[in-house]
Amino acid sequence: MLHYVQCRQCHRFTTLWADHQGVPRVCAWCGKRFLPLCGSGGAASPAPPALLSVEDRLRNDVCRVCGCVLSLRQVIGRTCDDPQCRVAGRQAQTREMARKASQRLRHAVAVRSKARRWFRIVKQQSPTICSLHGKATGALAVLLLPANTRRLAWLPESRKRAFINELESLVSTMRQDGAHEAATPQQEDVGRSADESSEPSPWEHSCAICGGCCCQTGGTTAYLRTAQIARYIQSHPGAGLDDVVRSFVSYLPAVSFEGSCVYHARRGCALPPPMRSDVCLSFYCAEHHRVREWFQAEAEVPALLAAVAGAKIHRIALFDGRRLRAIPLPVGIVEPPRA
């Protein structure tokens, strides 16, 4: 039976191939002596390192500092109860968070610079397509958005059937509870407050550049709940629960994004706004809010909206707060030349 022992110096695991094989004096990786477990034994008689089973090794539920097996309570912090391990764990976590933040900042700076270079190339090739840039003064701002990189494919029958089963389950629950009979009409657009205009927000153009990353978790439920079904029945007098299923199924697109919401099609959601879920009507991502705040502070100043996944730009558009003008990426250039 395999066992493992973890070195407190390099944090690597040494494999022990048999139960009778003793723990070696030094680590096979770094060559340093194995240190005893924290809080084990005394200075005169230190306890040997603990042997980890295969399950412990695969789960890696061990202290990140000393390598002892953690309890369920300790797994959250990834360190044992020894004060020195906790201090070292917090320091390591802080360093890791700082490293990731610095990496995100470097990526953002590089992507913004790349987007500006793409824009200059396109403007040289076709000056009329970038006429909105004349309103700007100074460097053109680049606002980063997430990018939907999933492929379009035929909606498989298995996903259609899974969605129908989910919808029929909601309808069955409503039929048993009689919720559709006692339902009261609700506002058509629950995503806007009472003092907002019913016209679409100009900042929603940022969702078109993103491509619907927030739709990807809709899956085969489309975030639908009994409240949306009740609202549909109230707005369609004479419609029954069976009519609800047929109506929602009729809007399923033939082609949608792989693994995303079943209604996530090429041009956005295939459902009419009154039939969408409350989540779809009310949720906006943090990047969308940043775009909105920027244009509220910088009225009528154009900016580039760049849809980015990792360090790659997938779509760019020029936006002045009202109109959106897509910028085609230069063809045949893998990496834009540096200015």
Protein backbone atom coordinates (compact mmCIF):
# COMPACT_ATOMS: atom_id res chain seq x y z
CA MET A 1 0.00 0.00 0.00
CA LEU A 2 1.33 3.40 -0.97
CA HIS A 3 1.97 6.10 1.60
CA TYR A 4 3.37 9.58 1.24
CA VAL A 5 5.34 11.95 3.42
CA GLN A 6 5.53 15.67 2.67
CA CYS A 7 8.68 17.74 3.18
CA ARG A 8 8.17 20.91 5.21
CA GLN A 9 11.02 22.57 3.33
CA CYS A 10 10.08 22.14 -0.36
CA HIS A 11 6.48 20.89 0.20
CA ARG A 12 7.01 17.97 -2.21
CA PHE A 13 5.79 14.44 -1.55
CA THR A 14 8.05 11.43 -1.15
CA THR A 15 6.47 8.06 -2.03
CA LEU A 16 6.83 5.08 0.33
CA TRP A 17 6.15 1.90 -1.62
CA ALA A 18 5.40 -0.51 1.23
CA ASP A 19 3.94 -0.44 4.72
CA HIS A 20 7.17 -1.74 6.27
CA GLN A 21 9.33 0.89 4.57
CA GLY A 22 10.44 3.44 7.12
CA VAL A 23 10.41 7.18 6.68
CA PRO A 24 13.77 8.31 5.26
CA ARG A 25 15.86 10.80 7.17
CA VAL A 26 16.09 13.32 4.32
CA CYS A 27 13.79 14.48 1.52
CA ALA A 28 14.42 12.82 -1.82
CA TRP A 29 13.79 16.13 -3.61
CA CYS A 30 15.67 18.83 -1.68
CA GLY A 31 17.99 16.63 0.40
CA LYS A 32 17.08 18.36 3.67
CA ARG A 33 16.15 16.53 6.86
CA PHE A 34 12.49 15.92 7.49
CA LEU A 35 11.21 18.23 10.20
CA PRO A 36 8.72 16.96 12.78
CA LEU A 37 5.08 17.96 12.67
CA CYS A 38 4.21 21.25 14.32
CA GLY A 39 2.92 20.86 17.85
CA SER A 40 4.05 17.20 17.98
CA GLY A 41 6.28 15.93 20.68
CA GLY A 42 8.92 18.03 22.40
CA ALA A 43 12.40 19.26 21.64
CA ALA A 44 13.96 16.17 23.23
CA SER A 45 11.82 13.62 21.39
CA PRO A 46 10.39 15.08 18.16
CA ALA A 47 7.67 13.07 16.46
CA PRO A 48 8.33 11.79 12.93
CA PRO A 49 6.36 13.22 9.98
CA ALA A 50 2.91 11.74 9.49
CA LEU A 51 2.32 9.22 6.73
CA LEU A 52 -0.37 10.28 4.26
CA SER A 53 -2.62 7.81 2.51
CA VAL A 54 -3.43 7.86 -1.19
CA GLU A 55 -6.76 9.54 -0.44
CA ASP A 56 -5.04 12.27 1.58
CA ARG A 57 -2.51 12.80 -1.19
CA LEU A 58 -5.15 13.06 -3.92
CA ARG A 59 -7.36 15.40 -1.88
CA ASN A 60 -4.27 17.36 -0.82
CA ASP A 61 -6.09 18.11 2.47
CA VAL A 62 -2.82 18.79 4.22
CA CYS A 63 -1.38 21.89 5.81
CA ARG A 64 0.32 24.01 3.18
CA VAL A 65 3.17 24.77 5.64
CA CYS A 66 3.92 21.67 7.69
CA GLY A 67 2.11 18.96 5.69
CA CYS A 68 0.00 17.47 8.52
CA VAL A 69 -3.45 16.14 7.65
CA LEU A 70 -6.16 18.75 8.19
CA SER A 71 -9.55 18.32 9.76
CA LEU A 72 -12.72 19.44 7.97
CA ARG A 73 -12.65 22.70 9.93
CA GLN A 74 -9.02 23.39 9.01
CA VAL A 75 -9.42 22.65 5.29
CA ILE A 76 -11.02 26.06 4.68
CA GLY A 77 -7.90 27.95 5.76
CA ARG A 78 -5.54 25.29 4.31
CA THR A 79 -3.39 25.43 7.46
CA CYS A 80 -3.39 23.63 10.78
CA ASP A 81 -3.91 25.28 14.17
CA ASP A 82 -0.23 25.92 14.80
CA PRO A 83 0.30 29.73 15.10
CA GLN A 84 3.43 29.66 12.96
CA CYS A 85 1.61 27.80 10.19
CA ARG A 86 -1.29 30.25 10.31
CA VAL A 87 1.03 33.27 10.02
CA ALA A 88 2.95 31.66 7.16
CA GLY A 89 -0.32 30.70 5.45
CA ARG A 90 -1.67 34.26 5.63
CA GLN A 91 1.59 35.62 4.26
CA ALA A 92 1.53 33.14 1.38
CA GLN A 93 -2.12 34.00 0.63
CA THR A 94 -1.33 37.73 0.62
CA ARG A 95 1.59 37.20 -1.74
CA GLU A 96 -0.55 35.08 -4.04
CA MET A 97 -3.33 37.69 -4.11
CA ALA A 98 -0.82 40.45 -4.84
CA ARG A 99 0.76 38.37 -7.61
CA LYS A 100 -2.61 37.72 -9.27
CA ALA A 101 -3.63 41.39 -8.99
CA SER A 102 -0.33 42.47 -10.55
CA GLN A 103 -0.78 39.92 -13.32
CA ARG A 104 -4.32 41.16 -14.06
CA LEU A 105 -3.04 44.74 -14.19
CA ARG A 106 -0.24 43.83 -16.61
CA HIS A 107 -2.69 41.96 -18.85
CA ALA A 108 -5.11 44.90 -18.84
CA VAL A 109 -2.38 47.39 -19.79
CA ALA A 110 -1.14 45.12 -22.60
CA VAL A 111 -4.66 44.51 -23.95
CA ARG A 112 -5.52 48.25 -23.94
CA SER A 113 -2.31 49.03 -25.81
CA LYS A 114 -3.05 46.28 -28.33
CA ALA A 115 -6.63 47.56 -28.88
CA ARG A 116 -5.34 51.09 -29.60
CA ARG A 117 -2.86 49.69 -32.13
CA TRP A 118 -5.61 47.69 -33.84
CA PHE A 119 -7.72 50.86 -33.97
CA ARG A 120 -4.93 52.88 -35.59
CA ILE A 121 -4.43 50.19 -38.23
CA VAL A 122 -8.14 50.08 -39.08
CA LYS A 123 -8.35 53.89 -39.13
CA GLN A 124 -5.51 54.04 -41.66
CA GLN A 125 -7.17 51.44 -43.86
CA SER A 126 -10.68 52.95 -43.64
CA PRO A 127 -10.83 56.45 -42.13
CA THR A 128 -14.60 56.80 -42.53
CA ILE A 129 -15.36 53.86 -40.23
CA CYS A 130 -13.81 55.70 -37.30
CA SER A 131 -15.41 59.13 -37.78
CA LEU A 132 -16.63 59.19 -34.18
CA HIS A 133 -13.05 59.40 -32.97
CA GLY A 134 -12.92 63.06 -33.99
CA LYS A 135 -14.87 64.04 -30.87
CA ALA A 136 -12.22 62.66 -28.54
CA THR A 137 -9.33 64.61 -27.14
CA GLY A 138 -6.14 62.89 -26.03
CA ALA A 139 -5.66 59.13 -25.85
CA LEU A 140 -8.67 57.01 -26.72
CA ALA A 141 -10.03 55.21 -23.65
CA VAL A 142 -10.35 51.42 -23.81
CA LEU A 143 -13.00 49.74 -21.64
CA LEU A 144 -12.55 45.99 -21.20
CA LEU A 145 -15.45 43.54 -21.28
CA PRO A 146 -15.56 39.75 -20.99
CA ALA A 147 -15.84 37.82 -24.25
CA ASN A 148 -18.10 34.89 -25.01
CA THR A 149 -15.84 32.45 -26.87
CA ARG A 150 -18.22 29.50 -27.17
CA ARG A 151 -19.04 28.13 -30.59
CA LEU A 152 -22.41 28.14 -32.28
CA ALA A 153 -23.85 24.68 -32.93
CA TRP A 154 -27.15 22.98 -33.58
CA LEU A 155 -29.16 22.74 -30.37
CA PRO A 156 -29.05 19.01 -29.54
CA GLU A 157 -32.23 17.10 -28.82
CA SER A 158 -30.88 16.07 -25.42
CA ARG A 159 -30.71 19.71 -24.28
CA LYS A 160 -34.17 20.42 -25.72
CA ARG A 161 -35.60 17.47 -23.80
CA ALA A 162 -33.83 18.53 -20.61
CA PHE A 163 -35.31 22.03 -20.90
CA ILE A 164 -38.80 20.67 -21.58
CA ASN A 165 -38.52 18.42 -18.53
CA GLU A 166 -37.52 21.41 -16.37
CA LEU A 167 -40.42 23.47 -17.73
CA GLU A 168 -42.93 20.66 -17.26
CA SER A 169 -41.70 20.23 -13.69
CA LEU A 170 -42.44 23.91 -12.97
CA VAL A 171 -45.85 23.63 -14.62
CA SER A 172 -46.64 20.50 -12.61
CA THR A 173 -45.74 22.30 -9.39
CA MET A 174 -47.99 25.22 -10.29
CA ARG A 175 -50.83 22.89 -11.20
CA GLN A 176 -50.64 21.13 -7.83
CA ASP A 177 -50.39 24.37 -5.85
CA GLY A 178 -52.88 26.30 -7.94
CA ALA A 179 -50.39 29.17 -8.05
CA HIS A 180 -51.35 30.19 -11.59
CA GLU A 181 -54.94 30.90 -10.51
CA ALA A 182 -53.93 33.24 -7.68
CA ALA A 183 -51.15 34.98 -9.56
CA THR A 184 -51.31 38.73 -10.00
CA PRO A 185 -49.96 40.63 -13.00
CA GLN A 186 -46.46 41.98 -12.60
CA GLN A 187 -44.49 44.61 -14.44
CA GLU A 188 -43.25 43.47 -17.81
CA ASP A 189 -39.69 44.60 -17.16
CA VAL A 190 -38.65 43.88 -13.61
CA GLY A 191 -35.07 44.88 -14.35
CA ARG A 192 -35.78 48.62 -14.35
CA SER A 193 -36.98 50.83 -11.55
CA ALA A 194 -40.20 52.82 -11.77
CA ASP A 195 -38.46 56.12 -12.60
CA GLU A 196 -36.45 54.70 -15.51
CA SER A 197 -37.49 54.97 -19.11
CA SER A 198 -38.94 51.93 -20.85
CA GLU A 199 -36.54 52.50 -23.76
CA PRO A 200 -33.52 50.17 -23.86
CA SER A 201 -30.48 51.60 -22.12
CA PRO A 202 -27.77 52.74 -24.55
CA TRP A 203 -25.20 51.03 -22.35
CA GLU A 204 -26.77 47.66 -23.14
CA HIS A 205 -24.73 47.78 -26.36
CA SER A 206 -21.84 46.56 -24.21
CA CYS A 207 -23.67 43.24 -23.91
CA ALA A 208 -23.54 42.86 -27.69
CA ILE A 209 -19.75 43.23 -27.65
CA CYS A 210 -19.44 40.76 -24.78
CA GLY A 211 -21.65 38.23 -26.53
CA GLY A 212 -23.52 37.12 -23.41
CA CYS A 213 -21.04 35.70 -20.90
CA CYS A 214 -23.66 35.94 -18.15
CA CYS A 215 -25.99 33.74 -20.23
CA GLN A 216 -23.61 30.79 -20.08
CA THR A 217 -24.87 29.57 -16.70
CA GLY A 218 -28.51 29.52 -17.87
CA GLY A 219 -28.09 25.95 -19.06
CA THR A 220 -31.31 24.04 -19.64
CA THR A 221 -33.30 26.07 -17.09
CA ALA A 222 -32.97 29.56 -18.65
CA TYR A 223 -33.34 30.86 -15.06
CA LEU A 224 -37.11 30.34 -15.40
CA ARG A 225 -39.24 30.19 -12.24
CA THR A 226 -42.95 29.89 -11.55
CA ALA A 227 -43.21 33.70 -11.34
CA GLN A 228 -42.41 34.06 -15.06
CA ILE A 229 -44.95 31.39 -15.99
CA ALA A 230 -47.62 33.06 -13.87
CA ARG A 231 -46.83 36.42 -15.47
CA TYR A 232 -47.16 34.90 -18.93
CA ILE A 233 -50.57 33.42 -18.10
CA GLN A 234 -51.81 36.73 -16.72
CA SER A 235 -50.71 38.59 -19.86
CA HIS A 236 -52.33 35.98 -22.15
CA PRO A 237 -55.99 35.53 -21.10
CA GLY A 238 -57.31 32.07 -21.88
CA ALA A 239 -53.86 30.48 -21.99
CA GLY A 240 -53.46 27.33 -19.92
CA LEU A 241 -50.41 25.69 -18.44
CA ASP A 242 -50.06 23.38 -21.43
CA ASP A 243 -50.07 26.41 -23.72
CA VAL A 244 -47.19 27.84 -21.69
CA VAL A 245 -45.00 24.83 -22.46
CA ARG A 246 -45.77 24.97 -26.18
CA SER A 247 -45.14 28.72 -26.32
CA PHE A 248 -41.76 28.60 -24.57
CA VAL A 249 -40.65 25.59 -26.63
CA SER A 250 -41.58 27.36 -29.87
CA TYR A 251 -38.92 30.02 -29.21
CA LEU A 252 -36.07 27.53 -28.87
CA PRO A 253 -33.51 28.42 -31.55
CA ALA A 254 -32.20 25.87 -34.01
CA VAL A 255 -28.63 27.09 -33.40
CA SER A 256 -27.29 28.24 -30.04
CA PHE A 257 -23.99 28.51 -28.20
CA GLU A 258 -22.58 25.21 -26.97
CA GLY A 259 -23.20 24.57 -23.27
CA SER A 260 -24.79 27.98 -22.72
CA CYS A 261 -28.45 28.84 -22.11
CA VAL A 262 -30.72 27.04 -24.55
CA TYR A 263 -32.04 30.44 -25.72
CA HIS A 264 -28.56 31.95 -26.19
CA ALA A 265 -28.47 32.44 -29.98
CA ARG A 266 -26.27 34.37 -32.38
CA ARG A 267 -28.14 37.68 -31.91
CA GLY A 268 -28.73 37.30 -28.20
CA CYS A 269 -31.67 35.85 -26.31
CA ALA A 270 -34.25 34.17 -28.54
CA LEU A 271 -37.02 34.79 -25.97
CA PRO A 272 -39.06 38.01 -26.17
CA PRO A 273 -38.30 40.32 -23.20
CA PRO A 274 -41.72 39.79 -21.50
CA MET A 275 -41.05 36.02 -21.35
CA ARG A 276 -37.51 36.22 -19.96
CA SER A 277 -36.70 35.43 -16.36
CA ASP A 278 -36.31 38.04 -13.65
CA VAL A 279 -32.58 37.26 -13.54
CA CYS A 280 -32.18 38.00 -17.25
CA LEU A 281 -34.03 41.29 -16.96
CA SER A 282 -32.28 42.57 -13.85
CA PHE A 283 -28.69 41.29 -13.86
CA TYR A 284 -25.79 43.34 -15.19
CA CYS A 285 -22.17 42.35 -14.73
CA ALA A 286 -19.54 44.53 -13.03
CA GLU A 287 -17.93 45.40 -16.39
CA HIS A 288 -21.28 46.69 -17.70
CA HIS A 289 -21.65 48.94 -14.65
CA ARG A 290 -18.15 50.32 -15.24
CA VAL A 291 -19.04 51.17 -18.86
CA ARG A 292 -22.21 52.89 -17.68
CA GLU A 293 -20.41 54.89 -14.99
CA TRP A 294 -17.70 55.95 -17.45
CA PHE A 295 -20.16 57.36 -19.99
CA GLN A 296 -22.21 59.05 -17.30
CA ALA A 297 -19.05 60.88 -16.23
CA GLU A 298 -17.67 61.42 -19.75
CA ALA A 299 -20.73 62.34 -21.80
CA GLU A 300 -20.44 61.90 -25.58
CA VAL A 301 -16.75 61.01 -25.42
CA PRO A 302 -16.14 57.94 -27.61
CA ALA A 303 -14.28 54.96 -26.24
CA LEU A 304 -13.24 51.56 -27.47
CA LEU A 305 -15.10 48.57 -26.05
CA ALA A 306 -12.89 45.48 -26.23
CA ALA A 307 -14.21 41.97 -25.52
CA VAL A 308 -11.29 40.05 -24.04
CA ALA A 309 -10.76 36.45 -22.95
CA GLY A 310 -7.43 35.89 -21.24
CA ALA A 311 -5.04 38.17 -23.13
CA LYS A 312 -6.77 37.81 -26.51
CA ILE A 313 -9.07 40.43 -28.03
CA HIS A 314 -12.06 38.88 -29.79
CA ARG A 315 -14.18 41.93 -30.67
CA ILE A 316 -13.70 45.72 -30.69
CA ALA A 317 -16.26 48.47 -31.18
CA LEU A 318 -16.28 52.26 -31.00
CA PHE A 319 -19.02 53.60 -28.73
CA ASP A 320 -20.00 57.19 -27.96
CA GLY A 321 -22.73 56.44 -25.41
CA ARG A 322 -25.47 56.19 -28.04
CA ARG A 323 -24.20 54.53 -31.20
CA LEU A 324 -22.09 51.41 -31.49
CA ARG A 325 -19.77 50.97 -34.46
CA ALA A 326 -18.00 47.63 -34.81
CA ILE A 327 -14.30 47.81 -35.70
CA PRO A 328 -13.19 44.86 -37.85
CA LEU A 329 -9.93 43.33 -36.72
CA PRO A 330 -7.18 43.62 -39.35
CA VAL A 331 -6.99 40.48 -41.47
CA GLY A 332 -3.70 38.67 -41.92
CA ILE A 333 -1.94 40.27 -38.93
CA VAL A 334 -1.28 37.97 -36.01
CA GLU A 335 0.08 40.63 -33.67
CA PRO A 336 -0.26 44.38 -34.30
CA PRO A 337 3.04 46.20 -34.75
CA ARG A 338 4.15 48.38 -31.87
CA ALA A 339 4.15 52.12 -32.43
